[in-house]
Amino acid sequence: AASSTVEICLGDVVIRAGADVGQGHLARII
């Protein structure tokens, strides 16, 4: 997207991840 950051909302927690975060690492965070 125009921004290089994505926001993922899980309940009352918001995870912001940059474009450089790998899929596996993001899955572990979630």
PDB file of all heavy atoms in Angstrom:
ATOM      1  N   ALA A   1       0.849  -1.183   0.000  1.00  0.00           N
ATOM      2  CA  ALA A   1       0.000   0.000   0.000  1.00  0.00           C
ATOM      3  C   ALA A   1       0.887   1.237   0.000  1.00  0.00           C
ATOM      4  O   ALA A   1       2.113   1.143  -0.018  1.00  0.00           O
ATOM      5  CB  ALA A   1      -0.900  -0.012   1.236  1.00  0.00           C
ATOM      6  N   ALA A   2       0.256   2.377   0.059  1.00  0.00           N
ATOM      7  CA  ALA A   2       1.009   3.630   0.079  1.00  0.00           C
ATOM      8  C   ALA A   2       1.939   3.676   1.290  1.00  0.00           C
ATOM      9  O   ALA A   2       3.019   4.219   1.235  1.00  0.00           O
ATOM     10  CB  ALA A   2       0.050   4.816   0.088  1.00  0.00           C
ATOM     11  N   SER A   3       1.495   3.073   2.387  1.00  0.00           N
ATOM     12  CA  SER A   3       2.303   3.038   3.600  1.00  0.00           C
ATOM     13  C   SER A   3       3.090   1.735   3.621  1.00  0.00           C
ATOM     14  O   SER A   3       2.644   0.717   3.112  1.00  0.00           O
ATOM     15  CB  SER A   3       1.391   3.109   4.826  1.00  0.00           C
ATOM     16  OG  SER A   3       2.121   2.841   5.985  1.00  0.00           O
ATOM     17  N   SER A   4       4.258   1.755   4.207  1.00  0.00           N
ATOM     18  CA  SER A   4       5.042   0.530   4.295  1.00  0.00           C
ATOM     19  C   SER A   4       4.789  -0.183   5.623  1.00  0.00           C
ATOM     20  O   SER A   4       5.528  -1.056   6.007  1.00  0.00           O
ATOM     21  CB  SER A   4       6.529   0.850   4.143  1.00  0.00           C
ATOM     22  OG  SER A   4       6.941   1.706   5.194  1.00  0.00           O
ATOM     23  N   THR A   5       3.740   0.214   6.336  1.00  0.00           N
ATOM     24  CA  THR A   5       3.380  -0.402   7.599  1.00  0.00           C
ATOM     25  C   THR A   5       1.960  -0.942   7.504  1.00  0.00           C
ATOM     26  O   THR A   5       1.091  -0.309   6.931  1.00  0.00           O
ATOM     27  CB  THR A   5       3.447   0.627   8.756  1.00  0.00           C
ATOM     28  OG1 THR A   5       4.756   1.186   8.787  1.00  0.00           O
ATOM     29  CG2 THR A   5       3.153  -0.028  10.079  1.00  0.00           C
ATOM     30  N   VAL A   6       1.755  -2.126   8.089  1.00  0.00           N
ATOM     31  CA  VAL A   6       0.433  -2.718   8.120  1.00  0.00           C
ATOM     32  C   VAL A   6       0.004  -2.808   9.583  1.00  0.00           C
ATOM     33  O   VAL A   6       0.827  -3.026  10.460  1.00  0.00           O
ATOM     34  CB  VAL A   6       0.410  -4.105   7.432  1.00  0.00           C
ATOM     35  CG1 VAL A   6       1.269  -5.101   8.162  1.00  0.00           C
ATOM     36  CG2 VAL A   6      -0.999  -4.627   7.290  1.00  0.00           C
ATOM     37  N   GLU A   7      -1.275  -2.608   9.822  1.00  0.00           N
ATOM     38  CA  GLU A   7      -1.811  -2.727  11.173  1.00  0.00           C
ATOM     39  C   GLU A   7      -2.742  -3.921  11.226  1.00  0.00           C
ATOM     40  O   GLU A   7      -3.607  -4.093  10.370  1.00  0.00           O
ATOM     41  CB  GLU A   7      -2.582  -1.469  11.578  1.00  0.00           C
ATOM     42  CG  GLU A   7      -1.707  -0.288  11.848  1.00  0.00           C
ATOM     43  CD  GLU A   7      -2.490   0.900  12.432  1.00  0.00           C
ATOM     44  OE1 GLU A   7      -3.716   0.776  12.636  1.00  0.00           O
ATOM     45  OE2 GLU A   7      -1.862   1.934  12.666  1.00  0.00           O
ATOM     46  N   ILE A   8      -2.560  -4.754  12.250  1.00  0.00           N
ATOM     47  CA  ILE A   8      -3.404  -5.920  12.451  1.00  0.00           C
ATOM     48  C   ILE A   8      -4.040  -5.766  13.821  1.00  0.00           C
ATOM     49  O   ILE A   8      -3.347  -5.628  14.820  1.00  0.00           O
ATOM     50  CB  ILE A   8      -2.585  -7.227  12.382  1.00  0.00           C
ATOM     51  CG1 ILE A   8      -1.891  -7.337  11.022  1.00  0.00           C
ATOM     52  CG2 ILE A   8      -3.469  -8.435  12.654  1.00  0.00           C
ATOM     53  CD1 ILE A   8      -0.875  -8.452  10.936  1.00  0.00           C
ATOM     54  N   CYS A   9      -5.374  -5.793  13.875  1.00  0.00           N
ATOM     55  CA  CYS A   9      -6.099  -5.639  15.135  1.00  0.00           C
ATOM     56  C   CYS A   9      -6.571  -7.005  15.603  1.00  0.00           C
ATOM     57  O   CYS A   9      -7.298  -7.698  14.897  1.00  0.00           O
ATOM     58  CB  CYS A   9      -7.295  -4.709  14.961  1.00  0.00           C
ATOM     59  SG  CYS A   9      -6.823  -3.046  14.465  1.00  0.00           S
ATOM     60  N   LEU A  10      -6.140  -7.400  16.798  1.00  0.00           N
ATOM     61  CA  LEU A  10      -6.569  -8.644  17.425  1.00  0.00           C
ATOM     62  C   LEU A  10      -7.187  -8.276  18.768  1.00  0.00           C
ATOM     63  O   LEU A  10      -6.482  -8.065  19.745  1.00  0.00           O
ATOM     64  CB  LEU A  10      -5.396  -9.596  17.649  1.00  0.00           C
ATOM     65  CG  LEU A  10      -4.699 -10.125  16.401  1.00  0.00           C
ATOM     66  CD1 LEU A  10      -3.472 -10.926  16.771  1.00  0.00           C
ATOM     67  CD2 LEU A  10      -5.653 -10.988  15.600  1.00  0.00           C
ATOM     68  N   GLY A  11      -8.493  -8.153  18.801  1.00  0.00           N
ATOM     69  CA  GLY A  11      -9.151  -7.724  20.032  1.00  0.00           C
ATOM     70  C   GLY A  11      -8.774  -6.288  20.332  1.00  0.00           C
ATOM     71  O   GLY A  11      -8.928  -5.405  19.499  1.00  0.00           O
ATOM     72  N   ASP A  12      -8.216  -6.081  21.513  1.00  0.00           N
ATOM     73  CA  ASP A  12      -7.807  -4.724  21.879  1.00  0.00           C
ATOM     74  C   ASP A  12      -6.323  -4.485  21.642  1.00  0.00           C
ATOM     75  O   ASP A  12      -5.757  -3.502  22.094  1.00  0.00           O
ATOM     76  CB  ASP A  12      -8.169  -4.443  23.349  1.00  0.00           C
ATOM     77  CG  ASP A  12      -7.508  -5.416  24.307  1.00  0.00           C
ATOM     78  OD1 ASP A  12      -7.036  -6.473  23.841  1.00  0.00           O
ATOM     79  OD2 ASP A  12      -7.455  -5.118  25.514  1.00  0.00           O
ATOM     80  N   VAL A  13      -5.670  -5.390  20.912  1.00  0.00           N
ATOM     81  CA  VAL A  13      -4.238  -5.259  20.605  1.00  0.00           C
ATOM     82  C   VAL A  13      -4.072  -4.896  19.135  1.00  0.00           C
ATOM     83  O   VAL A  13      -4.712  -5.470  18.266  1.00  0.00           O
ATOM     84  CB  VAL A  13      -3.493  -6.581  20.897  1.00  0.00           C
ATOM     85  CG1 VAL A  13      -2.036  -6.482  20.500  1.00  0.00           C
ATOM     86  CG2 VAL A  13      -3.628  -6.963  22.353  1.00  0.00           C
ATOM     87  N   VAL A  14      -3.206  -3.927  18.883  1.00  0.00           N
ATOM     88  CA  VAL A  14      -2.899  -3.535  17.516  1.00  0.00           C
ATOM     89  C   VAL A  14      -1.437  -3.866  17.253  1.00  0.00           C
ATOM     90  O   VAL A  14      -0.553  -3.449  17.994  1.00  0.00           O
ATOM     91  CB  VAL A  14      -3.142  -2.021  17.292  1.00  0.00           C
ATOM     92  CG1 VAL A  14      -2.729  -1.629  15.882  1.00  0.00           C
ATOM     93  CG2 VAL A  14      -4.593  -1.671  17.554  1.00  0.00           C
ATOM     94  N   ILE A  15      -1.197  -4.622  16.205  1.00  0.00           N
ATOM     95  CA  ILE A  15       0.164  -4.979  15.815  1.00  0.00           C
ATOM     96  C   ILE A  15       0.505  -4.177  14.569  1.00  0.00           C
ATOM     97  O   ILE A  15      -0.221  -4.232  13.573  1.00  0.00           O
ATOM     98  CB  ILE A  15       0.280  -6.490  15.502  1.00  0.00           C
ATOM     99  CG1 ILE A  15      -0.119  -7.312  16.715  1.00  0.00           C
ATOM    100  CG2 ILE A  15       1.684  -6.833  15.044  1.00  0.00           C
ATOM    101  CD1 ILE A  15      -0.250  -8.794  16.426  1.00  0.00           C
ATOM    102  N   ARG A  16       1.584  -3.439  14.630  1.00  0.00           N
ATOM    103  CA  ARG A  16       2.063  -2.684  13.470  1.00  0.00           C
ATOM    104  C   ARG A  16       3.354  -3.334  12.991  1.00  0.00           C
ATOM    105  O   ARG A  16       4.296  -3.472  13.765  1.00  0.00           O
ATOM    106  CB  ARG A  16       2.305  -1.230  13.848  1.00  0.00           C
ATOM    107  CG  ARG A  16       1.031  -0.475  14.136  1.00  0.00           C
ATOM    108  CD  ARG A  16       1.306   1.007  14.449  1.00  0.00           C
ATOM    109  NE  ARG A  16       0.081   1.677  14.818  1.00  0.00           N
ATOM    110  CZ  ARG A  16      -0.400   1.740  16.062  1.00  0.00           C
ATOM    111  NH1 ARG A  16       0.252   1.174  17.044  1.00  0.00           N
ATOM    112  NH2 ARG A  16      -1.529   2.367  16.319  1.00  0.00           N
ATOM    113  N   ALA A  17       3.353  -3.709  11.736  1.00  0.00           N
ATOM    114  CA  ALA A  17       4.526  -4.388  11.182  1.00  0.00           C
ATOM    115  C   ALA A  17       4.955  -3.702   9.902  1.00  0.00           C
ATOM    116  O   ALA A  17       4.135  -3.369   9.056  1.00  0.00           O
ATOM    117  CB  ALA A  17       4.196  -5.849  10.906  1.00  0.00           C
ATOM    118  N   GLY A  18       6.244  -3.525   9.786  1.00  0.00           N
ATOM    119  CA  GLY A  18       6.807  -2.935   8.580  1.00  0.00           C
ATOM    120  C   GLY A  18       6.885  -3.942   7.453  1.00  0.00           C
ATOM    121  O   GLY A  18       6.736  -5.153   7.662  1.00  0.00           O
ATOM    122  N   ALA A  19       7.115  -3.459   6.260  1.00  0.00           N
ATOM    123  CA  ALA A  19       7.170  -4.315   5.079  1.00  0.00           C
ATOM    124  C   ALA A  19       8.336  -5.297   5.135  1.00  0.00           C
ATOM    125  O   ALA A  19       8.320  -6.323   4.463  1.00  0.00           O
ATOM    126  CB  ALA A  19       7.283  -3.448   3.816  1.00  0.00           C
ATOM    127  N   ASP A  20       9.322  -4.992   5.950  1.00  0.00           N
ATOM    128  CA  ASP A  20      10.498  -5.860   6.040  1.00  0.00           C
ATOM    129  C   ASP A  20      10.317  -7.031   7.009  1.00  0.00           C
ATOM    130  O   ASP A  20      11.188  -7.874   7.132  1.00  0.00           O
ATOM    131  CB  ASP A  20      11.721  -5.048   6.452  1.00  0.00           C
ATOM    132  CG  ASP A  20      11.532  -4.354   7.802  1.00  0.00           C
ATOM    133  OD1 ASP A  20      10.385  -4.113   8.184  1.00  0.00           O
ATOM    134  OD2 ASP A  20      12.548  -4.057   8.456  1.00  0.00           O
ATOM    135  N   VAL A  21       9.174  -7.139   7.690  1.00  0.00           N
ATOM    136  CA  VAL A  21       8.924  -8.239   8.627  1.00  0.00           C
ATOM    137  C   VAL A  21       8.485  -9.459   7.828  1.00  0.00           C
ATOM    138  O   VAL A  21       7.538  -9.399   7.051  1.00  0.00           O
ATOM    139  CB  VAL A  21       7.838  -7.851   9.668  1.00  0.00           C
ATOM    140  CG1 VAL A  21       7.523  -9.039  10.570  1.00  0.00           C
ATOM    141  CG2 VAL A  21       8.293  -6.666  10.481  1.00  0.00           C
ATOM    142  N   GLY A  22       9.178 -10.565   8.031  1.00  0.00           N
ATOM    143  CA  GLY A  22       8.885 -11.792   7.291  1.00  0.00           C
ATOM    144  C   GLY A  22       7.594 -12.452   7.746  1.00  0.00           C
ATOM    145  O   GLY A  22       7.125 -12.247   8.864  1.00  0.00           O
ATOM    146  N   GLN A  23       7.026 -13.256   6.870  1.00  0.00           N
ATOM    147  CA  GLN A  23       5.760 -13.934   7.134  1.00  0.00           C
ATOM    148  C   GLN A  23       5.863 -14.835   8.362  1.00  0.00           C
ATOM    149  O   GLN A  23       4.977 -14.836   9.214  1.00  0.00           O
ATOM    150  CB  GLN A  23       5.381 -14.757   5.909  1.00  0.00           C
ATOM    151  CG  GLN A  23       4.126 -15.579   6.064  1.00  0.00           C
ATOM    152  CD  GLN A  23       3.797 -16.340   4.795  1.00  0.00           C
ATOM    153  OE1 GLN A  23       4.165 -15.945   3.714  1.00  0.00           O
ATOM    154  NE2 GLN A  23       3.103 -17.447   4.936  1.00  0.00           N
ATOM    155  N   GLY A  24       6.935 -15.601   8.470  1.00  0.00           N
ATOM    156  CA  GLY A  24       7.112 -16.503   9.608  1.00  0.00           C
ATOM    157  C   GLY A  24       7.211 -15.753  10.922  1.00  0.00           C
ATOM    158  O   GLY A  24       6.619 -16.153  11.932  1.00  0.00           O
ATOM    159  N   HIS A  25       7.957 -14.665  10.921  1.00  0.00           N
ATOM    160  CA  HIS A  25       8.115 -13.864  12.142  1.00  0.00           C
ATOM    161  C   HIS A  25       6.785 -13.239  12.548  1.00  0.00           C
ATOM    162  O   HIS A  25       6.412 -13.242  13.721  1.00  0.00           O
ATOM    163  CB  HIS A  25       9.183 -12.788  11.931  1.00  0.00           C
ATOM    164  CG  HIS A  25       9.529 -12.016  13.162  1.00  0.00           C
ATOM    165  ND1 HIS A  25      10.154 -12.602  14.240  1.00  0.00           N
ATOM    166  CD2 HIS A  25       9.306 -10.735  13.497  1.00  0.00           C
ATOM    167  CE1 HIS A  25      10.299 -11.692  15.189  1.00  0.00           C
ATOM    168  NE2 HIS A  25       9.801 -10.550  14.760  1.00  0.00           N
ATOM    169  N   LEU A  26       6.050 -12.737  11.578  1.00  0.00           N
ATOM    170  CA  LEU A  26       4.754 -12.127  11.857  1.00  0.00           C
ATOM    171  C   LEU A  26       3.776 -13.178  12.414  1.00  0.00           C
ATOM    172  O   LEU A  26       3.023 -12.903  13.350  1.00  0.00           O
ATOM    173  CB  LEU A  26       4.181 -11.480  10.591  1.00  0.00           C
ATOM    174  CG  LEU A  26       2.888 -10.680  10.764  1.00  0.00           C
ATOM    175  CD1 LEU A  26       3.053  -9.594  11.823  1.00  0.00           C
ATOM    176  CD2 LEU A  26       2.478 -10.058   9.434  1.00  0.00           C
ATOM    177  N   ALA A  27       3.823 -14.387  11.883  1.00  0.00           N
ATOM    178  CA  ALA A  27       2.956 -15.462  12.384  1.00  0.00           C
ATOM    179  C   ALA A  27       3.279 -15.769  13.839  1.00  0.00           C
ATOM    180  O   ALA A  27       2.369 -15.970  14.661  1.00  0.00           O
ATOM    181  CB  ALA A  27       3.107 -16.719  11.527  1.00  0.00           C
ATOM    182  N   ARG A  28       4.574 -15.794  14.210  1.00  0.00           N
ATOM    183  CA  ARG A  28       4.963 -16.048  15.598  1.00  0.00           C
ATOM    184  C   ARG A  28       4.470 -14.935  16.520  1.00  0.00           C
ATOM    185  O   ARG A  28       4.020 -15.186  17.637  1.00  0.00           O
ATOM    186  CB  ARG A  28       6.477 -16.220  15.698  1.00  0.00           C
ATOM    187  CG  ARG A  28       6.966 -17.551  15.158  1.00  0.00           C
ATOM    188  CD  ARG A  28       8.429 -17.790  15.466  1.00  0.00           C
ATOM    189  NE  ARG A  28       9.314 -16.829  14.838  1.00  0.00           N
ATOM    190  CZ  ARG A  28       9.812 -16.919  13.603  1.00  0.00           C
ATOM    191  NH1 ARG A  28       9.469 -17.952  12.858  1.00  0.00           N
ATOM    192  NH2 ARG A  28      10.610 -16.004  13.123  1.00  0.00           N
ATOM    193  N   ILE A  29       4.541 -13.688  16.053  1.00  0.00           N
ATOM    194  CA  ILE A  29       4.064 -12.557  16.844  1.00  0.00           C
ATOM    195  C   ILE A  29       2.563 -12.686  17.084  1.00  0.00           C
ATOM    196  O   ILE A  29       2.068 -12.506  18.212  1.00  0.00           O
ATOM    197  CB  ILE A  29       4.401 -11.214  16.152  1.00  0.00           C
ATOM    198  CG1 ILE A  29       5.899 -10.986  16.145  1.00  0.00           C
ATOM    199  CG2 ILE A  29       3.668 -10.051  16.829  1.00  0.00           C
ATOM    200  CD1 ILE A  29       6.349  -9.829  15.259  1.00  0.00           C
ATOM    201  N   ILE A  30       1.809 -13.000  16.031  1.00  0.00           N
ATOM    202  CA  ILE A  30       0.349 -13.121  16.158  1.00  0.00           C
ATOM    203  C   ILE A  30       0.005 -14.254  17.119  1.00  0.00           C
ATOM    204  O   ILE A  30      -0.873 -14.111  17.982  1.00  0.00           O
ATOM    205  CB  ILE A  30      -0.306 -13.327  14.779  1.00  0.00           C
ATOM    206  CG1 ILE A  30      -0.150 -12.047  13.937  1.00  0.00           C
ATOM    207  CG2 ILE A  30      -1.768 -13.720  14.912  1.00  0.00           C
ATOM    208  CD1 ILE A  30      -0.541 -12.210  12.494  1.00  0.00           C
TER     209      ILE A  30
END
